C-alpha atoms as a PDB file:
ATOM      1  CA  MET A   1       7.495  35.064  -7.971  1.00  0.00           C
ATOM      2  CA  ARG A   2       5.865  35.793  -4.622  1.00  0.00           C
ATOM      3  CA  PHE A   3       2.524  34.077  -4.063  1.00  0.00           C
ATOM      4  CA  ALA A   4       0.776  37.416  -3.452  1.00  0.00           C
ATOM      5  CA  ASP A   5       1.904  38.631  -6.878  1.00  0.00           C
ATOM      6  CA  ALA A   6       1.161  35.338  -8.652  1.00  0.00           C
ATOM      7  CA  SER A   7      -2.426  35.395  -7.339  1.00  0.00           C
ATOM      8  CA  ALA A   8      -3.091  39.136  -7.644  1.00  0.00           C
ATOM      9  CA  VAL A   9      -6.201  40.521  -9.359  1.00  0.00           C
ATOM     10  CA  ALA A  10      -7.228  43.939 -10.697  1.00  0.00           C
ATOM     11  CA  LYS A  11     -10.754  45.242 -11.071  1.00  0.00           C
ATOM     12  CA  VAL A  12     -11.749  45.777 -14.722  1.00  0.00           C
ATOM     13  CA  GLY A  13     -15.530  46.180 -14.486  1.00  0.00           C
ATOM     14  CA  GLU A  14     -18.373  46.707 -12.061  1.00  0.00           C
ATOM     15  CA  SER A  15     -18.260  43.061 -10.956  1.00  0.00           C
ATOM     16  CA  THR A  16     -15.287  41.662 -12.865  1.00  0.00           C
ATOM     17  CA  TRP A  17     -11.637  41.198 -11.939  1.00  0.00           C
ATOM     18  CA  ARG A  18      -8.724  40.043 -14.058  1.00  0.00           C
ATOM     19  CA  GLY A  19      -5.754  37.928 -13.014  1.00  0.00           C
ATOM     20  CA  GLU A  20      -2.842  36.204 -14.667  1.00  0.00           C
ATOM     21  CA  VAL A  21      -2.308  32.486 -14.065  1.00  0.00           C
ATOM     22  CA  GLN A  22       1.443  32.094 -13.925  1.00  0.00           C
ATOM     23  CA  PRO A  23       3.402  29.276 -15.585  1.00  0.00           C
ATOM     24  CA  ASP A  24       4.918  26.570 -13.379  1.00  0.00           C
ATOM     25  CA  TRP A  25       2.095  26.759 -10.830  1.00  0.00           C
ATOM     26  CA  ASP A  26       0.812  23.519 -12.341  1.00  0.00           C
ATOM     27  CA  ILE A  27       0.572  19.749 -12.085  1.00  0.00           C
ATOM     28  CA  PHE A  28       0.993  17.846 -15.351  1.00  0.00           C
ATOM     29  CA  GLY A  29       0.423  21.098 -17.267  1.00  0.00           C
ATOM     30  CA  VAL A  30      -2.840  21.913 -15.449  1.00  0.00           C
ATOM     31  CA  SER A  31      -2.792  24.872 -13.059  1.00  0.00           C
ATOM     32  CA  ASN A  32      -3.147  23.879  -9.425  1.00  0.00           C
ATOM     33  CA  GLY A  33      -6.715  24.071  -8.126  1.00  0.00           C
ATOM     34  CA  GLY A  34      -5.872  25.662  -4.787  1.00  0.00           C
ATOM     35  CA  TYR A  35      -3.854  28.349  -6.568  1.00  0.00           C
ATOM     36  CA  LEU A  36      -6.823  29.107  -8.859  1.00  0.00           C
ATOM     37  CA  MET A  37      -9.150  29.257  -5.851  1.00  0.00           C
ATOM     38  CA  ALA A  38      -6.830  31.828  -4.268  1.00  0.00           C
ATOM     39  CA  ILE A  39      -7.006  34.035  -7.379  1.00  0.00           C
ATOM     40  CA  ALA A  40     -10.794  33.888  -7.357  1.00  0.00           C
ATOM     41  CA  ALA A  41     -10.934  34.428  -3.587  1.00  0.00           C
ATOM     42  CA  ARG A  42      -8.955  37.661  -3.859  1.00  0.00           C
ATOM     43  CA  ALA A  43     -11.560  39.016  -6.271  1.00  0.00           C
ATOM     44  CA  MET A  44     -14.400  37.798  -4.060  1.00  0.00           C
ATOM     45  CA  SER A  45     -12.771  39.409  -1.031  1.00  0.00           C
ATOM     46  CA  GLU A  46     -12.512  42.772  -2.791  1.00  0.00           C
ATOM     47  CA  ALA A  47     -16.147  42.500  -3.868  1.00  0.00           C
ATOM     48  CA  ALA A  48     -17.031  41.791  -0.213  1.00  0.00           C
ATOM     49  CA  GLY A  49     -15.404  45.025   0.913  1.00  0.00           C
ATOM     50  CA  GLY A  50     -12.207  43.442   2.202  1.00  0.00           C
ATOM     51  CA  ARG A  51     -13.837  40.627   4.138  1.00  0.00           C
ATOM     52  CA  LEU A  52     -11.671  37.500   4.207  1.00  0.00           C
ATOM     53  CA  PRO A  53     -12.505  33.892   3.298  1.00  0.00           C
ATOM     54  CA  VAL A  54     -13.887  31.657   6.025  1.00  0.00           C
ATOM     55  CA  SER A  55     -15.130  28.865   3.763  1.00  0.00           C
ATOM     56  CA  LEU A  56     -14.765  28.488   0.009  1.00  0.00           C
ATOM     57  CA  THR A  57     -16.156  25.718  -2.181  1.00  0.00           C
ATOM     58  CA  SER A  58     -15.159  25.287  -5.807  1.00  0.00           C
ATOM     59  CA  HIS A  59     -16.451  23.005  -8.542  1.00  0.00           C
ATOM     60  CA  PHE A  60     -13.890  22.459 -11.297  1.00  0.00           C
ATOM     61  CA  THR A  61     -15.378  22.195 -14.777  1.00  0.00           C
ATOM     62  CA  LYS A  62     -12.458  22.823 -17.132  1.00  0.00           C
ATOM     63  CA  PRO A  63      -8.652  22.656 -16.729  1.00  0.00           C
ATOM     64  CA  VAL A  64      -6.826  25.992 -16.731  1.00  0.00           C
ATOM     65  CA  SER A  65      -3.385  26.688 -18.173  1.00  0.00           C
ATOM     66  CA  ALA A  66      -1.128  29.714 -17.750  1.00  0.00           C
ATOM     67  CA  GLY A  67      -2.580  32.949 -19.115  1.00  0.00           C
ATOM     68  CA  PRO A  68      -5.176  35.613 -18.329  1.00  0.00           C
ATOM     69  CA  VAL A  69      -8.354  34.773 -16.442  1.00  0.00           C
ATOM     70  CA  GLU A  70     -11.412  36.774 -15.471  1.00  0.00           C
ATOM     71  CA  VAL A  71     -13.386  36.429 -12.258  1.00  0.00           C
ATOM     72  CA  ALA A  72     -17.028  37.518 -12.235  1.00  0.00           C
ATOM     73  CA  VAL A  73     -18.348  38.021  -8.697  1.00  0.00           C
ATOM     74  CA  GLU A  74     -21.931  38.251  -7.473  1.00  0.00           C
ATOM     75  CA  PRO A  75     -22.977  38.920  -3.868  1.00  0.00           C
ATOM     76  CA  VAL A  76     -25.550  36.432  -2.594  1.00  0.00           C
ATOM     77  CA  LYS A  77     -26.059  37.923   0.881  1.00  0.00           C
ATOM     78  CA  VAL A  78     -24.304  40.691   2.803  1.00  0.00           C
ATOM     79  CA  GLY A  79     -24.797  40.544   6.561  1.00  0.00           C
ATOM     80  CA  ARG A  80     -23.422  42.459   9.520  1.00  0.00           C
ATOM     81  CA  SER A  81     -20.425  40.132   9.967  1.00  0.00           C
ATOM     82  CA  PHE A  82     -20.450  37.746   7.020  1.00  0.00           C
ATOM     83  CA  SER A  83     -20.932  37.998   3.261  1.00  0.00           C
ATOM     84  CA  THR A  84     -21.808  35.128   0.945  1.00  0.00           C
ATOM     85  CA  MET A  85     -20.278  35.550  -2.505  1.00  0.00           C
ATOM     86  CA  ARG A  86     -20.615  33.591  -5.749  1.00  0.00           C
ATOM     87  CA  ALA A  87     -17.999  33.695  -8.524  1.00  0.00           C
ATOM     88  CA  GLN A  88     -17.025  32.241 -11.883  1.00  0.00           C
ATOM     89  CA  LEU A  89     -13.389  32.029 -12.922  1.00  0.00           C
ATOM     90  CA  ALA A  90     -12.938  31.724 -16.680  1.00  0.00           C
ATOM     91  CA  SER A  91     -10.043  31.477 -19.073  1.00  0.00           C
ATOM     92  CA  GLU A  92     -11.408  30.604 -22.510  1.00  0.00           C
ATOM     93  CA  ALA A  93     -14.581  29.283 -20.869  1.00  0.00           C
ATOM     94  CA  ASP A  94     -15.967  28.938 -17.342  1.00  0.00           C
ATOM     95  CA  SER A  95     -13.515  26.775 -15.426  1.00  0.00           C
ATOM     96  CA  LEU A  96     -14.366  27.176 -11.745  1.00  0.00           C
ATOM     97  CA  SER A  97     -17.664  27.860 -10.012  1.00  0.00           C
ATOM     98  CA  LEU A  98     -17.192  29.119  -6.471  1.00  0.00           C
ATOM     99  CA  LEU A  99     -19.364  29.888  -3.459  1.00  0.00           C
ATOM    100  CA  GLY A 100     -17.896  31.230  -0.258  1.00  0.00           C
ATOM    101  CA  SER A 101     -18.416  32.902   3.089  1.00  0.00           C
ATOM    102  CA  PHE A 102     -16.299  35.965   3.915  1.00  0.00           C
ATOM    103  CA  ALA A 103     -15.988  37.617   7.302  1.00  0.00           C
ATOM    104  CA  ASP A 104     -14.718  40.887   8.769  1.00  0.00           C
ATOM    105  CA  PRO A 105     -10.987  40.527   9.406  1.00  0.00           C
ATOM    106  CA  GLU A 106     -11.294  42.131  12.835  1.00  0.00           C
ATOM    107  CA  ARG A 107     -14.199  40.046  14.093  1.00  0.00           C
ATOM    108  CA  PRO A 108     -13.696  39.154  17.780  1.00  0.00           C
ATOM    109  CA  GLU A 109     -12.282  35.814  18.889  1.00  0.00           C
ATOM    110  CA  HIS A 110     -14.872  33.372  20.244  1.00  0.00           C
ATOM    111  CA  ASP A 111     -14.311  32.200  23.810  1.00  0.00           C
ATOM    112  CA  VAL A 112     -15.527  28.621  23.147  1.00  0.00           C
ATOM    113  CA  THR A 113     -12.805  26.262  21.917  1.00  0.00           C
ATOM    114  CA  TYR A 114     -12.742  22.481  21.513  1.00  0.00           C
ATOM    115  CA  THR A 115     -10.076  20.537  19.649  1.00  0.00           C
ATOM    116  CA  GLY A 116     -10.573  16.793  19.249  1.00  0.00           C
ATOM    117  CA  ALA A 117      -7.251  16.249  17.495  1.00  0.00           C
ATOM    118  CA  SER A 118      -3.665  17.429  17.701  1.00  0.00           C
ATOM    119  CA  PRO A 119      -1.083  18.489  15.109  1.00  0.00           C
ATOM    120  CA  PRO A 120       0.627  15.628  13.263  1.00  0.00           C
ATOM    121  CA  GLN A 121       3.848  14.496  14.891  1.00  0.00           C
ATOM    122  CA  MET A 122       6.761  14.959  12.488  1.00  0.00           C
ATOM    123  CA  PRO A 123      10.517  15.329  12.491  1.00  0.00           C
ATOM    124  CA  PRO A 124      11.699  18.940  12.185  1.00  0.00           C
ATOM    125  CA  PRO A 125      11.718  20.373   8.643  1.00  0.00           C
ATOM    126  CA  GLU A 126      15.460  19.868   8.184  1.00  0.00           C
ATOM    127  CA  GLU A 127      15.003  16.114   8.759  1.00  0.00           C
ATOM    128  CA  CYS A 128      12.184  15.803   6.219  1.00  0.00           C
ATOM    129  CA  VAL A 129      12.476  15.394   2.434  1.00  0.00           C
ATOM    130  CA  ARG A 130      12.325  18.640   0.480  1.00  0.00           C
ATOM    131  CA  ALA A 131      10.106  18.352  -2.603  1.00  0.00           C
ATOM    132  CA  ARG A 132      11.827  19.591  -5.757  1.00  0.00           C
ATOM    133  CA  PRO A 133      10.584  19.430  -9.364  1.00  0.00           C
ATOM    134  CA  ALA A 134      11.568  16.197 -11.097  1.00  0.00           C
ATOM    135  CA  VAL A 135      14.261  16.388 -13.765  1.00  0.00           C
ATOM    136  CA  ASP A 136      13.524  13.052 -15.440  1.00  0.00           C
ATOM    137  CA  GLY A 137       9.890  12.383 -14.550  1.00  0.00           C
ATOM    138  CA  PRO A 138       6.500  13.958 -13.834  1.00  0.00           C
ATOM    139  CA  LEU A 139       6.764  13.890 -10.033  1.00  0.00           C
ATOM    140  CA  PRO A 140       7.211  16.076  -8.102  1.00  0.00           C
ATOM    141  CA  PRO A 141       5.531  18.631 -10.436  1.00  0.00           C
ATOM    142  CA  PRO A 142       6.773  22.174 -11.266  1.00  0.00           C
ATOM    143  CA  LEU A 143       4.415  23.596  -8.614  1.00  0.00           C
ATOM    144  CA  VAL A 144       6.687  22.597  -5.727  1.00  0.00           C
ATOM    145  CA  ALA A 145       9.406  25.029  -6.873  1.00  0.00           C
ATOM    146  CA  GLN A 146       7.128  27.919  -5.858  1.00  0.00           C
ATOM    147  CA  PHE A 147       7.369  27.203  -2.108  1.00  0.00           C
ATOM    148  CA  ASP A 148       9.326  25.208   0.455  1.00  0.00           C
ATOM    149  CA  GLN A 149       7.642  21.864   1.092  1.00  0.00           C
ATOM    150  CA  ARG A 150       9.160  19.140   3.283  1.00  0.00           C
ATOM    151  CA  ILE A 151       7.571  15.671   3.246  1.00  0.00           C
ATOM    152  CA  HIS A 152       7.638  13.302   6.217  1.00  0.00           C
ATOM    153  CA  PRO A 153      10.311  10.656   5.438  1.00  0.00           C
ATOM    154  CA  GLU A 154       7.796   7.830   5.915  1.00  0.00           C
ATOM    155  CA  ASP A 155       5.504   9.348   3.279  1.00  0.00           C
ATOM    156  CA  ALA A 156       8.064  10.665   0.784  1.00  0.00           C
ATOM    157  CA  ASN A 157       9.035   7.252  -0.598  1.00  0.00           C
ATOM    158  CA  ALA A 158       5.696   7.097  -2.412  1.00  0.00           C
ATOM    159  CA  LEU A 159       7.180   9.354  -5.107  1.00  0.00           C
ATOM    160  CA  LYS A 160       9.862   6.689  -5.658  1.00  0.00           C
ATOM    161  CA  GLY A 161       7.280   3.955  -6.119  1.00  0.00           C
ATOM    162  CA  GLN A 162       7.595   2.691  -2.543  1.00  0.00           C
ATOM    163  CA  PRO A 163       4.220   3.436  -0.894  1.00  0.00           C
ATOM    164  CA  SER A 164       3.898   3.152   2.876  1.00  0.00           C
ATOM    165  CA  GLY A 165       0.539   1.367   2.681  1.00  0.00           C
ATOM    166  CA  VAL A 166      -1.219   4.130   4.652  1.00  0.00           C
ATOM    167  CA  ALA A 167      -3.221   6.696   2.654  1.00  0.00           C
ATOM    168  CA  ARG A 168      -1.597   9.666   4.353  1.00  0.00           C
ATOM    169  CA  THR A 169       0.737  12.517   3.433  1.00  0.00           C
ATOM    170  CA  ARG A 170       2.339  14.662   6.140  1.00  0.00           C
ATOM    171  CA  GLY A 171       4.701  17.552   5.746  1.00  0.00           C
ATOM    172  CA  TRP A 172       5.805  21.098   6.395  1.00  0.00           C
ATOM    173  CA  PHE A 173       5.049  24.157   4.260  1.00  0.00           C
ATOM    174  CA  ARG A 174       6.343  27.718   4.047  1.00  0.00           C
ATOM    175  CA  LEU A 175       6.514  30.398   1.391  1.00  0.00           C
ATOM    176  CA  LEU A 176       9.807  31.497  -0.139  1.00  0.00           C
ATOM    177  CA  ASP A 177      11.794  34.636   0.727  1.00  0.00           C
ATOM    178  CA  ASP A 178      10.091  35.008   4.124  1.00  0.00           C
ATOM    179  CA  GLU A 179       6.772  35.921   2.500  1.00  0.00           C
ATOM    180  CA  PRO A 180       4.138  35.957   5.264  1.00  0.00           C
ATOM    181  CA  PHE A 181       1.036  33.802   5.192  1.00  0.00           C
ATOM    182  CA  ASP A 182      -2.389  35.281   4.579  1.00  0.00           C
ATOM    183  CA  PRO A 183      -5.767  33.489   4.484  1.00  0.00           C
ATOM    184  CA  PHE A 184      -5.494  33.089   0.696  1.00  0.00           C
ATOM    185  CA  THR A 185      -2.272  31.108   1.126  1.00  0.00           C
ATOM    186  CA  LEU A 186      -4.209  28.435   2.990  1.00  0.00           C
ATOM    187  CA  LEU A 187      -6.295  27.766  -0.128  1.00  0.00           C
ATOM    188  CA  LEU A 188      -3.065  26.944  -1.947  1.00  0.00           C
ATOM    189  CA  VAL A 189      -1.614  24.847   0.883  1.00  0.00           C
ATOM    190  CA  ALA A 190      -4.742  22.686   1.052  1.00  0.00           C
ATOM    191  CA  ASP A 191      -4.131  21.481  -2.511  1.00  0.00           C
ATOM    192  CA  ALA A 192      -0.327  21.573  -2.705  1.00  0.00           C
ATOM    193  CA  PHE A 193       0.777  18.205  -1.308  1.00  0.00           C
ATOM    194  CA  PRO A 194       1.037  14.822  -3.076  1.00  0.00           C
ATOM    195  CA  PRO A 195      -2.299  12.966  -2.898  1.00  0.00           C
ATOM    196  CA  ALA A 196      -2.587  10.709   0.128  1.00  0.00           C
ATOM    197  CA  ILE A 197      -3.483   7.734  -2.089  1.00  0.00           C
ATOM    198  CA  PHE A 198       0.007   7.806  -3.596  1.00  0.00           C
ATOM    199  CA  ASN A 199       0.939   5.847  -0.473  1.00  0.00           C
ATOM    200  CA  LEU A 200      -1.387   3.019  -1.503  1.00  0.00           C
ATOM    201  CA  ASP A 201      -0.613   0.352  -4.076  1.00  0.00           C
ATOM    202  CA  LEU A 202      -2.753   2.057  -6.724  1.00  0.00           C
ATOM    203  CA  PRO A 203      -1.916   3.565 -10.132  1.00  0.00           C
ATOM    204  CA  MET A 204      -0.034   6.831  -9.624  1.00  0.00           C
ATOM    205  CA  GLY A 205      -1.037   9.725 -11.834  1.00  0.00           C
ATOM    206  CA  TRP A 206      -3.212  12.785 -12.095  1.00  0.00           C
ATOM    207  CA  THR A 207      -6.162  12.749  -9.667  1.00  0.00           C
ATOM    208  CA  PRO A 208      -8.337  15.601 -10.998  1.00  0.00           C
ATOM    209  CA  THR A 209     -10.425  17.388  -8.400  1.00  0.00           C
ATOM    210  CA  LEU A 210     -14.165  17.646  -8.986  1.00  0.00           C
ATOM    211  CA  GLU A 211     -15.051  19.660  -5.882  1.00  0.00           C
ATOM    212  CA  MET A 212     -13.042  21.179  -3.039  1.00  0.00           C
ATOM    213  CA  THR A 213     -13.929  23.027   0.146  1.00  0.00           C
ATOM    214  CA  THR A 214     -11.412  24.807   2.356  1.00  0.00           C
ATOM    215  CA  GLN A 215     -12.297  26.356   5.709  1.00  0.00           C
ATOM    216  CA  VAL A 216     -10.036  29.046   7.140  1.00  0.00           C
ATOM    217  CA  ARG A 217     -10.116  28.933  10.939  1.00  0.00           C
ATOM    218  CA  ALA A 218      -7.241  31.281  11.869  1.00  0.00           C
ATOM    219  CA  ARG A 219      -4.407  33.278  10.382  1.00  0.00           C
ATOM    220  CA  PRO A 220      -1.034  31.503  10.744  1.00  0.00           C
ATOM    221  CA  THR A 221       1.513  33.299  12.909  1.00  0.00           C
ATOM    222  CA  THR A 222       4.535  30.984  12.501  1.00  0.00           C
ATOM    223  CA  GLU A 223       7.149  30.403   9.812  1.00  0.00           C
ATOM    224  CA  TRP A 224       6.111  26.810   9.084  1.00  0.00           C
ATOM    225  CA  LEU A 225       2.764  25.046   8.737  1.00  0.00           C
ATOM    226  CA  ARG A 226       2.260  21.410   9.779  1.00  0.00           C
ATOM    227  CA  CYS A 227       0.029  19.595   7.307  1.00  0.00           C
ATOM    228  CA  GLN A 228      -1.663  16.204   7.143  1.00  0.00           C
ATOM    229  CA  PHE A 229      -3.835  14.775   4.370  1.00  0.00           C
ATOM    230  CA  THR A 230      -5.677  11.453   4.581  1.00  0.00           C
ATOM    231  CA  THR A 231      -8.050   9.353   2.491  1.00  0.00           C
ATOM    232  CA  ARG A 232     -10.377   6.702   3.924  1.00  0.00           C
ATOM    233  CA  PHE A 233     -12.481   5.630   0.954  1.00  0.00           C
ATOM    234  CA  VAL A 234     -11.631   4.889  -2.670  1.00  0.00           C
ATOM    235  CA  THR A 235     -14.841   3.636  -4.267  1.00  0.00           C
ATOM    236  CA  GLY A 236     -16.629   3.958  -7.594  1.00  0.00           C
ATOM    237  CA  GLY A 237     -13.634   5.652  -9.199  1.00  0.00           C
ATOM    238  CA  LEU A 238     -13.775   8.483  -6.634  1.00  0.00           C
ATOM    239  CA  LEU A 239     -11.807   9.392  -3.525  1.00  0.00           C
ATOM    240  CA  GLU A 240     -12.090  11.953  -0.774  1.00  0.00           C
ATOM    241  CA  GLU A 241      -9.098  13.638   0.819  1.00  0.00           C
ATOM    242  CA  ASP A 242      -9.285  15.421   4.165  1.00  0.00           C
ATOM    243  CA  GLY A 243      -6.678  17.988   5.118  1.00  0.00           C
ATOM    244  CA  GLU A 244      -5.596  19.528   8.421  1.00  0.00           C
ATOM    245  CA  ILE A 245      -3.312  22.566   8.437  1.00  0.00           C
ATOM    246  CA  TRP A 246      -1.778  23.703  11.731  1.00  0.00           C
ATOM    247  CA  ASP A 247       0.689  26.449  12.490  1.00  0.00           C
ATOM    248  CA  ASP A 248       3.756  25.598  14.542  1.00  0.00           C
ATOM    249  CA  ALA A 249       2.189  27.115  17.641  1.00  0.00           C
ATOM    250  CA  GLY A 250      -0.302  24.217  17.668  1.00  0.00           C
ATOM    251  CA  ARG A 251      -3.266  26.199  16.313  1.00  0.00           C
ATOM    252  CA  LEU A 252      -5.544  24.688  13.696  1.00  0.00           C
ATOM    253  CA  VAL A 253      -5.601  27.253  10.876  1.00  0.00           C
ATOM    254  CA  ALA A 254      -7.490  25.417   8.092  1.00  0.00           C
ATOM    255  CA  LEU A 255      -9.432  22.286   7.178  1.00  0.00           C
ATOM    256  CA  SER A 256     -10.117  20.971   3.704  1.00  0.00           C
ATOM    257  CA  ARG A 257     -11.987  18.225   1.890  1.00  0.00           C
ATOM    258  CA  GLN A 258     -11.908  17.453  -1.800  1.00  0.00           C
ATOM    259  CA  LEU A 259     -13.572  14.928  -4.067  1.00  0.00           C
ATOM    260  CA  ALA A 260     -11.340  13.656  -6.864  1.00  0.00           C
ATOM    261  CA  LEU A 261     -11.197  11.053  -9.580  1.00  0.00           C
ATOM    262  CA  VAL A 262      -8.963   8.023  -9.112  1.00  0.00           C
ATOM    263  CA  SER A 263      -6.096   7.919 -11.593  1.00  0.00           C
ATOM    264  CA  ARG A 264      -6.399   5.267 -14.267  1.00  0.00           C
END
């Protein structure tokens, strides 16, 4: 199923939208957080008159499985160029609380640019390891069948129990069947790769996200996205993961940071 269809919503009330969380968009039976954020963001975007996400923060309070969900949206502030929207995504109970900034899709480009980093250096996609759902184990999860994800060879061995020793995951990403990227796709991409700490000598398992923020900086214009995710601190049972998403033209298109629990 195309991502646009899997994350679609329909308005059912004055401030309520309904979506359908699809099966196999999950990790260990729990629907992927970035995918759920994209569903909610589509409702928030419609409530904001078609403005698109610039920054979206979500607090995860209850796991979500496949099935119907409702998104209740409330405008916090509507300005000339930006709208701030608040939303709750619920299945059987409230599961995600979201707050985001949405901007006019045709807002002019700013003429001030500074980039203090460059895209991660990687072999071409055909020389990287394609992630496919595991047949005889939990990793990779069913989610990876929904897109084309290629992991840097140095980072892919973590899934075989051979961590590199560097808390980093690099790879390529594209949608299936030539589906184009939109800003909502970037919310999925930011949460779609194996956790960077899998490349450390730590227990490997579910690392549930408590809070995640994704910033959309530009709309991708290339077939592939270059992605890098890193963790610097694992303390007090918590970890942070920072993500950079670049298109293949060398433009930064999204940044992310999430706070997650360390697997026991």
